[in-house]
Amino acid sequence: MKRHVKKGDEVVVLAGKEKGKRGKIIAVMPKSQRLIVEGVQMIKRHTRKSQQHPQGAIVEREGTIHISNVMKAEHVEQPAEATA
């Protein structure tokens, strides 16, 4: 399926609680039509004990958002042409 954005693109969130935020696309999941945007939809992930985190930890990372809720940032910056 063709998508309007790809990994590495700068996007603006159009809908949801993160509306108006900008970020770079980290990953695209075509089957579920979702993507991960840098610094958007932050979730807290509880990790179990490991060598990296001997006490366990609460790690903040990006969650997914639906592909229809984003638009390329370059389209936002271009002013609409006046039609007379």
PDB file of N, CA and C in Angstrom:
ATOM      1  N   MET A   1       0.842  -1.190   0.000  1.00  0.00           N
ATOM      2  CA  MET A   1       0.000   0.000   0.000  1.00  0.00           C
ATOM      3  C   MET A   1       0.884   1.249   0.000  1.00  0.00           C
ATOM      4  N   LYS A   2       0.535   2.226  -0.787  1.00  0.00           N
ATOM      5  CA  LYS A   2       1.319   3.448  -0.887  1.00  0.00           C
ATOM      6  C   LYS A   2       1.031   4.362   0.295  1.00  0.00           C
ATOM      7  N   ARG A   3       2.095   4.958   0.851  1.00  0.00           N
ATOM      8  CA  ARG A   3       1.963   5.846   2.001  1.00  0.00           C
ATOM      9  C   ARG A   3       2.540   7.217   1.655  1.00  0.00           C
ATOM     10  N   HIS A   4       2.022   8.258   2.299  1.00  0.00           N
ATOM     11  CA  HIS A   4       2.460   9.616   2.006  1.00  0.00           C
ATOM     12  C   HIS A   4       3.706  10.021   2.799  1.00  0.00           C
ATOM     13  N   VAL A   5       4.140   9.184   3.729  1.00  0.00           N
ATOM     14  CA  VAL A   5       5.338   9.476   4.522  1.00  0.00           C
ATOM     15  C   VAL A   5       6.225   8.245   4.580  1.00  0.00           C
ATOM     16  N   LYS A   6       7.503   8.452   4.876  1.00  0.00           N
ATOM     17  CA  LYS A   6       8.424   7.333   5.020  1.00  0.00           C
ATOM     18  C   LYS A   6       9.404   7.624   6.154  1.00  0.00           C
ATOM     19  N   LYS A   7      10.180   6.630   6.523  1.00  0.00           N
ATOM     20  CA  LYS A   7      11.144   6.745   7.609  1.00  0.00           C
ATOM     21  C   LYS A   7      12.110   7.898   7.335  1.00  0.00           C
ATOM     22  N   GLY A   8      12.306   8.743   8.346  1.00  0.00           N
ATOM     23  CA  GLY A   8      13.223   9.871   8.208  1.00  0.00           C
ATOM     24  C   GLY A   8      12.541  11.186   7.874  1.00  0.00           C
ATOM     25  N   ASP A   9      11.280  11.151   7.463  1.00  0.00           N
ATOM     26  CA  ASP A   9      10.537  12.375   7.130  1.00  0.00           C
ATOM     27  C   ASP A   9      10.211  13.172   8.386  1.00  0.00           C
ATOM     28  N   GLU A  10      10.195  14.489   8.254  1.00  0.00           N
ATOM     29  CA  GLU A  10       9.751  15.388   9.326  1.00  0.00           C
ATOM     30  C   GLU A  10       8.244  15.546   9.178  1.00  0.00           C
ATOM     31  N   VAL A  11       7.492  15.255  10.259  1.00  0.00           N
ATOM     32  CA  VAL A  11       6.029  15.308  10.188  1.00  0.00           C
ATOM     33  C   VAL A  11       5.427  16.144  11.304  1.00  0.00           C
ATOM     34  N   VAL A  12       4.166  16.538  11.110  1.00  0.00           N
ATOM     35  CA  VAL A  12       3.378  17.255  12.115  1.00  0.00           C
ATOM     36  C   VAL A  12       2.163  16.392  12.431  1.00  0.00           C
ATOM     37  N   VAL A  13       1.840  16.261  13.727  1.00  0.00           N
ATOM     38  CA  VAL A  13       0.684  15.476  14.141  1.00  0.00           C
ATOM     39  C   VAL A  13      -0.574  16.331  13.967  1.00  0.00           C
ATOM     40  N   LEU A  14      -1.599  15.773  13.311  1.00  0.00           N
ATOM     41  CA  LEU A  14      -2.821  16.507  12.993  1.00  0.00           C
ATOM     42  C   LEU A  14      -3.951  16.273  13.986  1.00  0.00           C
ATOM     43  N   ALA A  15      -3.952  15.141  14.673  1.00  0.00           N
ATOM     44  CA  ALA A  15      -5.088  14.804  15.538  1.00  0.00           C
ATOM     45  C   ALA A  15      -4.615  14.097  16.798  1.00  0.00           C
ATOM     46  N   GLY A  16      -5.462  14.159  17.828  1.00  0.00           N
ATOM     47  CA  GLY A  16      -5.170  13.469  19.083  1.00  0.00           C
ATOM     48  C   GLY A  16      -4.554  14.396  20.103  1.00  0.00           C
ATOM     49  N   LYS A  17      -4.152  13.831  21.243  1.00  0.00           N
ATOM     50  CA  LYS A  17      -3.619  14.647  22.330  1.00  0.00           C
ATOM     51  C   LYS A  17      -2.258  15.253  21.999  1.00  0.00           C
ATOM     52  N   GLU A  18      -1.592  14.739  20.994  1.00  0.00           N
ATOM     53  CA  GLU A  18      -0.276  15.241  20.591  1.00  0.00           C
ATOM     54  C   GLU A  18      -0.378  16.219  19.417  1.00  0.00           C
ATOM     55  N   LYS A  19      -1.563  16.710  19.133  1.00  0.00           N
ATOM     56  CA  LYS A  19      -1.812  17.578  17.979  1.00  0.00           C
ATOM     57  C   LYS A  19      -0.867  18.780  17.965  1.00  0.00           C
ATOM     58  N   GLY A  20      -0.256  19.039  16.795  1.00  0.00           N
ATOM     59  CA  GLY A  20       0.626  20.178  16.629  1.00  0.00           C
ATOM     60  C   GLY A  20       2.093  19.873  16.850  1.00  0.00           C
ATOM     61  N   LYS A  21       2.407  18.723  17.430  1.00  0.00           N
ATOM     62  CA  LYS A  21       3.807  18.376  17.678  1.00  0.00           C
ATOM     63  C   LYS A  21       4.487  17.952  16.394  1.00  0.00           C
ATOM     64  N   ARG A  22       5.795  18.207  16.330  1.00  0.00           N
ATOM     65  CA  ARG A  22       6.606  17.835  15.172  1.00  0.00           C
ATOM     66  C   ARG A  22       7.644  16.815  15.586  1.00  0.00           C
ATOM     67  N   GLY A  23       8.059  16.007  14.636  1.00  0.00           N
ATOM     68  CA  GLY A  23       9.110  15.049  14.906  1.00  0.00           C
ATOM     69  C   GLY A  23       9.488  14.285  13.653  1.00  0.00           C
ATOM     70  N   LYS A  24      10.582  13.526  13.775  1.00  0.00           N
ATOM     71  CA  LYS A  24      11.079  12.728  12.670  1.00  0.00           C
ATOM     72  C   LYS A  24      10.556  11.303  12.826  1.00  0.00           C
ATOM     73  N   ILE A  25      10.202  10.663  11.729  1.00  0.00           N
ATOM     74  CA  ILE A  25       9.685   9.291  11.773  1.00  0.00           C
ATOM     75  C   ILE A  25      10.846   8.336  12.025  1.00  0.00           C
ATOM     76  N   ILE A  26      10.693   7.520  13.074  1.00  0.00           N
ATOM     77  CA  ILE A  26      11.712   6.534  13.443  1.00  0.00           C
ATOM     78  C   ILE A  26      11.436   5.199  12.752  1.00  0.00           C
ATOM     79  N   ALA A  27      10.154   4.793  12.727  1.00  0.00           N
ATOM     80  CA  ALA A  27       9.789   3.503  12.137  1.00  0.00           C
ATOM     81  C   ALA A  27       8.385   3.572  11.548  1.00  0.00           C
ATOM     82  N   VAL A  28       8.166   2.751  10.505  1.00  0.00           N
ATOM     83  CA  VAL A  28       6.855   2.646   9.867  1.00  0.00           C
ATOM     84  C   VAL A  28       6.425   1.183   9.913  1.00  0.00           C
ATOM     85  N   MET A  29       5.169   0.945  10.324  1.00  0.00           N
ATOM     86  CA  MET A  29       4.611  -0.410  10.370  1.00  0.00           C
ATOM     87  C   MET A  29       3.478  -0.492   9.353  1.00  0.00           C
ATOM     88  N   PRO A  30       3.776  -0.932   8.119  1.00  0.00           N
ATOM     89  CA  PRO A  30       2.789  -0.876   7.047  1.00  0.00           C
ATOM     90  C   PRO A  30       1.554  -1.751   7.262  1.00  0.00           C
ATOM     91  N   LYS A  31       1.705  -2.909   7.877  1.00  0.00           N
ATOM     92  CA  LYS A  31       0.553  -3.803   8.066  1.00  0.00           C
ATOM     93  C   LYS A  31      -0.494  -3.194   8.979  1.00  0.00           C
ATOM     94  N   SER A  32      -0.058  -2.567  10.064  1.00  0.00           N
ATOM     95  CA  SER A  32      -1.004  -1.962  11.005  1.00  0.00           C
ATOM     96  C   SER A  32      -1.262  -0.489  10.697  1.00  0.00           C
ATOM     97  N   GLN A  33      -0.610   0.052   9.668  1.00  0.00           N
ATOM     98  CA  GLN A  33      -0.727   1.453   9.246  1.00  0.00           C
ATOM     99  C   GLN A  33      -0.405   2.413  10.394  1.00  0.00           C
ATOM    100  N   ARG A  34       0.658   2.122  11.126  1.00  0.00           N
ATOM    101  CA  ARG A  34       1.049   2.954  12.246  1.00  0.00           C
ATOM    102  C   ARG A  34       2.521   3.331  12.093  1.00  0.00           C
ATOM    103  N   LEU A  35       2.923   4.381  12.802  1.00  0.00           N
ATOM    104  CA  LEU A  35       4.326   4.770  12.776  1.00  0.00           C
ATOM    105  C   LEU A  35       4.755   5.320  14.122  1.00  0.00           C
ATOM    106  N   ILE A  36       6.069   5.359  14.315  1.00  0.00           N
ATOM    107  CA  ILE A  36       6.648   5.893  15.540  1.00  0.00           C
ATOM    108  C   ILE A  36       7.341   7.198  15.182  1.00  0.00           C
ATOM    109  N   VAL A  37       6.949   8.274  15.874  1.00  0.00           N
ATOM    110  CA  VAL A  37       7.510   9.602  15.632  1.00  0.00           C
ATOM    111  C   VAL A  37       8.316  10.008  16.860  1.00  0.00           C
ATOM    112  N   GLU A  38       9.503  10.543  16.620  1.00  0.00           N
ATOM    113  CA  GLU A  38      10.428  10.941  17.674  1.00  0.00           C
ATOM    114  C   GLU A  38       9.803  11.986  18.607  1.00  0.00           C
ATOM    115  N   GLY A  39       9.740  11.671  19.906  1.00  0.00           N
ATOM    116  CA  GLY A  39       9.253  12.608  20.904  1.00  0.00           C
ATOM    117  C   GLY A  39       7.741  12.754  20.984  1.00  0.00           C
ATOM    118  N   VAL A  40       6.993  11.920  20.258  1.00  0.00           N
ATOM    119  CA  VAL A  40       5.532  12.005  20.242  1.00  0.00           C
ATOM    120  C   VAL A  40       4.949  10.719  20.826  1.00  0.00           C
ATOM    121  N   GLN A  41       3.840  10.848  21.576  1.00  0.00           N
ATOM    122  CA  GLN A  41       3.128   9.710  22.164  1.00  0.00           C
ATOM    123  C   GLN A  41       4.046   8.919  23.105  1.00  0.00           C
ATOM    124  N   MET A  42       4.677   9.615  24.033  1.00  0.00           N
ATOM    125  CA  MET A  42       5.597   8.972  24.967  1.00  0.00           C
ATOM    126  C   MET A  42       4.818   8.086  25.936  1.00  0.00           C
ATOM    127  N   ILE A  43       5.320   6.844  26.109  1.00  0.00           N
ATOM    128  CA  ILE A  43       4.708   5.900  27.044  1.00  0.00           C
ATOM    129  C   ILE A  43       5.761   5.447  28.037  1.00  0.00           C
ATOM    130  N   LYS A  44       5.316   5.012  29.208  1.00  0.00           N
ATOM    131  CA  LYS A  44       6.234   4.499  30.219  1.00  0.00           C
ATOM    132  C   LYS A  44       6.201   2.975  30.165  1.00  0.00           C
ATOM    133  N   ARG A  45       7.355   2.377  29.952  1.00  0.00           N
ATOM    134  CA  ARG A  45       7.480   0.925  29.827  1.00  0.00           C
ATOM    135  C   ARG A  45       8.184   0.407  31.070  1.00  0.00           C
ATOM    136  N   HIS A  46       7.560  -0.499  31.800  1.00  0.00           N
ATOM    137  CA  HIS A  46       8.170  -1.082  32.990  1.00  0.00           C
ATOM    138  C   HIS A  46       9.013  -2.275  32.573  1.00  0.00           C
ATOM    139  N   THR A  47      10.312  -2.212  32.854  1.00  0.00           N
ATOM    140  CA  THR A  47      11.221  -3.294  32.468  1.00  0.00           C
ATOM    141  C   THR A  47      11.602  -4.110  33.698  1.00  0.00           C
ATOM    142  N   ARG A  48      11.818  -5.376  33.482  1.00  0.00           N
ATOM    143  CA  ARG A  48      12.198  -6.241  34.597  1.00  0.00           C
ATOM    144  C   ARG A  48      13.689  -6.146  34.853  1.00  0.00           C
ATOM    145  N   LYS A  49      14.146  -6.744  35.936  1.00  0.00           N
ATOM    146  CA  LYS A  49      15.557  -6.686  36.305  1.00  0.00           C
ATOM    147  C   LYS A  49      16.411  -7.309  35.208  1.00  0.00           C
ATOM    148  N   SER A  50      17.556  -6.663  34.943  1.00  0.00           N
ATOM    149  CA  SER A  50      18.503  -7.181  33.960  1.00  0.00           C
ATOM    150  C   SER A  50      19.884  -6.662  34.341  1.00  0.00           C
ATOM    151  N   GLN A  51      20.896  -7.031  33.566  1.00  0.00           N
ATOM    152  CA  GLN A  51      22.239  -6.525  33.847  1.00  0.00           C
ATOM    153  C   GLN A  51      22.312  -5.021  33.603  1.00  0.00           C
ATOM    154  N   GLN A  52      21.582  -4.534  32.620  1.00  0.00           N
ATOM    155  CA  GLN A  52      21.558  -3.097  32.344  1.00  0.00           C
ATOM    156  C   GLN A  52      20.843  -2.332  33.448  1.00  0.00           C
ATOM    157  N   HIS A  53      19.728  -2.884  33.936  1.00  0.00           N
ATOM    158  CA  HIS A  53      18.929  -2.254  34.989  1.00  0.00           C
ATOM    159  C   HIS A  53      18.776  -3.242  36.146  1.00  0.00           C
ATOM    160  N   PRO A  54      19.753  -3.289  37.070  1.00  0.00           N
ATOM    161  CA  PRO A  54      19.707  -4.276  38.158  1.00  0.00           C
ATOM    162  C   PRO A  54      18.468  -4.147  39.054  1.00  0.00           C
ATOM    163  N   GLN A  55      17.900  -2.945  39.176  1.00  0.00           N
ATOM    164  CA  GLN A  55      16.721  -2.739  40.009  1.00  0.00           C
ATOM    165  C   GLN A  55      15.423  -2.846  39.209  1.00  0.00           C
ATOM    166  N   GLY A  56      15.546  -2.995  37.887  1.00  0.00           N
ATOM    167  CA  GLY A  56      14.378  -2.838  37.031  1.00  0.00           C
ATOM    168  C   GLY A  56      14.245  -1.339  36.779  1.00  0.00           C
ATOM    169  N   ALA A  57      13.400  -0.930  35.887  1.00  0.00           N
ATOM    170  CA  ALA A  57      13.298   0.501  35.591  1.00  0.00           C
ATOM    171  C   ALA A  57      11.982   0.819  34.903  1.00  0.00           C
ATOM    172  N   ILE A  58      11.646   2.096  34.919  1.00  0.00           N
ATOM    173  CA  ILE A  58      10.520   2.602  34.144  1.00  0.00           C
ATOM    174  C   ILE A  58      11.135   3.438  33.028  1.00  0.00           C
ATOM    175  N   VAL A  59      11.065   2.930  31.813  1.00  0.00           N
ATOM    176  CA  VAL A  59      11.709   3.560  30.666  1.00  0.00           C
ATOM    177  C   VAL A  59      10.653   4.283  29.843  1.00  0.00           C
ATOM    178  N   GLU A  60      10.925   5.543  29.491  1.00  0.00           N
ATOM    179  CA  GLU A  60      10.012   6.285  28.628  1.00  0.00           C
ATOM    180  C   GLU A  60      10.438   6.095  27.186  1.00  0.00           C
ATOM    181  N   ARG A  61       9.479   5.750  26.328  1.00  0.00           N
ATOM    182  CA  ARG A  61       9.778   5.601  24.906  1.00  0.00           C
ATOM    183  C   ARG A  61       8.565   5.994  24.084  1.00  0.00           C
ATOM    184  N   GLU A  62       8.753   6.090  22.770  1.00  0.00           N
ATOM    185  CA  GLU A  62       7.679   6.530  21.890  1.00  0.00           C
ATOM    186  C   GLU A  62       6.693   5.395  21.622  1.00  0.00           C
ATOM    187  N   GLY A  63       5.407   5.746  21.581  1.00  0.00           N
ATOM    188  CA  GLY A  63       4.371   4.802  21.185  1.00  0.00           C
ATOM    189  C   GLY A  63       4.034   5.023  19.723  1.00  0.00           C
ATOM    190  N   THR A  64       3.084   4.259  19.210  1.00  0.00           N
ATOM    191  CA  THR A  64       2.718   4.384  17.800  1.00  0.00           C
ATOM    192  C   THR A  64       1.513   5.305  17.631  1.00  0.00           C
ATOM    193  N   ILE A  65       1.433   5.921  16.457  1.00  0.00           N
ATOM    194  CA  ILE A  65       0.246   6.694  16.089  1.00  0.00           C
ATOM    195  C   ILE A  65      -0.164   6.283  14.679  1.00  0.00           C
ATOM    196  N   HIS A  66      -1.438   6.476  14.367  1.00  0.00           N
ATOM    197  CA  HIS A  66      -1.939   6.056  13.060  1.00  0.00           C
ATOM    198  C   HIS A  66      -1.401   6.985  11.976  1.00  0.00           C
ATOM    199  N   ILE A  67      -1.135   6.401  10.833  1.00  0.00           N
ATOM    200  CA  ILE A  67      -0.511   7.127   9.718  1.00  0.00           C
ATOM    201  C   ILE A  67      -1.398   8.272   9.209  1.00  0.00           C
ATOM    202  N   SER A  68      -2.721   8.160   9.386  1.00  0.00           N
ATOM    203  CA  SER A  68      -3.627   9.201   8.904  1.00  0.00           C
ATOM    204  C   SER A  68      -3.589  10.453   9.778  1.00  0.00           C
ATOM    205  N   ASN A  69      -2.980  10.356  10.941  1.00  0.00           N
ATOM    206  CA  ASN A  69      -2.935  11.494  11.862  1.00  0.00           C
ATOM    207  C   ASN A  69      -1.679  12.351  11.714  1.00  0.00           C
ATOM    208  N   VAL A  70      -0.891  12.121  10.667  1.00  0.00           N
ATOM    209  CA  VAL A  70       0.305  12.935  10.448  1.00  0.00           C
ATOM    210  C   VAL A  70       0.330  13.498   9.034  1.00  0.00           C
ATOM    211  N   MET A  71       1.102  14.573   8.875  1.00  0.00           N
ATOM    212  CA  MET A  71       1.290  15.194   7.568  1.00  0.00           C
ATOM    213  C   MET A  71       2.742  15.664   7.500  1.00  0.00           C
ATOM    214  N   LYS A  72       3.318  15.622   6.316  1.00  0.00           N
ATOM    215  CA  LYS A  72       4.684  16.099   6.153  1.00  0.00           C
ATOM    216  C   LYS A  72       4.788  17.550   6.586  1.00  0.00           C
ATOM    217  N   ALA A  73       5.850  17.894   7.296  1.00  0.00           N
ATOM    218  CA  ALA A  73       6.029  19.244   7.823  1.00  0.00           C
ATOM    219  C   ALA A  73       6.210  20.266   6.706  1.00  0.00           C
ATOM    220  N   GLU A  74       6.765  19.855   5.585  1.00  0.00           N
ATOM    221  CA  GLU A  74       6.985  20.798   4.480  1.00  0.00           C
ATOM    222  C   GLU A  74       5.669  21.329   3.917  1.00  0.00           C
ATOM    223  N   HIS A  75       4.571  20.561   4.047  1.00  0.00           N
ATOM    224  CA  HIS A  75       3.267  21.016   3.568  1.00  0.00           C
ATOM    225  C   HIS A  75       2.667  22.069   4.495  1.00  0.00           C
ATOM    226  N   VAL A  76       3.032  22.029   5.760  1.00  0.00           N
ATOM    227  CA  VAL A  76       2.522  22.998   6.729  1.00  0.00           C
ATOM    228  C   VAL A  76       3.184  24.354   6.525  1.00  0.00           C
ATOM    229  N   GLU A  77       4.465  24.364   6.203  1.00  0.00           N
ATOM    230  CA  GLU A  77       5.230  25.596   6.083  1.00  0.00           C
ATOM    231  C   GLU A  77       4.882  26.390   4.829  1.00  0.00           C
ATOM    232  N   GLN A  78       4.401  25.722   3.774  1.00  0.00           N
ATOM    233  CA  GLN A  78       4.079  26.412   2.537  1.00  0.00           C
ATOM    234  C   GLN A  78       2.755  27.158   2.693  1.00  0.00           C
ATOM    235  N   PRO A  79       2.751  28.471   2.499  1.00  0.00           N
ATOM    236  CA  PRO A  79       1.475  29.208   2.589  1.00  0.00           C
ATOM    237  C   PRO A  79       0.599  28.884   1.390  1.00  0.00           C
ATOM    238  N   ALA A  80      -0.684  28.842   1.593  1.00  0.00           N
ATOM    239  CA  ALA A  80      -1.623  28.553   0.503  1.00  0.00           C
ATOM    240  C   ALA A  80      -1.627  29.737  -0.469  1.00  0.00           C
ATOM    241  N   GLU A  81      -1.675  29.420  -1.752  1.00  0.00           N
ATOM    242  CA  GLU A  81      -1.690  30.482  -2.758  1.00  0.00           C
ATOM    243  C   GLU A  81      -3.067  31.146  -2.766  1.00  0.00           C
ATOM    244  N   ALA A  82      -3.066  32.452  -2.882  1.00  0.00           N
ATOM    245  CA  ALA A  82      -4.325  33.203  -2.900  1.00  0.00           C
ATOM    246  C   ALA A  82      -5.014  33.006  -4.250  1.00  0.00           C
ATOM    247  N   THR A  83      -6.283  32.727  -4.194  1.00  0.00           N
ATOM    248  CA  THR A  83      -7.046  32.591  -5.439  1.00  0.00           C
ATOM    249  C   THR A  83      -7.991  33.780  -5.539  1.00  0.00           C
ATOM    250  N   ALA A  84      -7.914  34.477  -6.641  1.00  0.00           N
ATOM    251  CA  ALA A  84      -8.719  35.698  -6.798  1.00  0.00           C
ATOM    252  C   ALA A  84      -9.970  35.454  -7.567  1.00  0.00           C
TER     253      ALA A  84
END
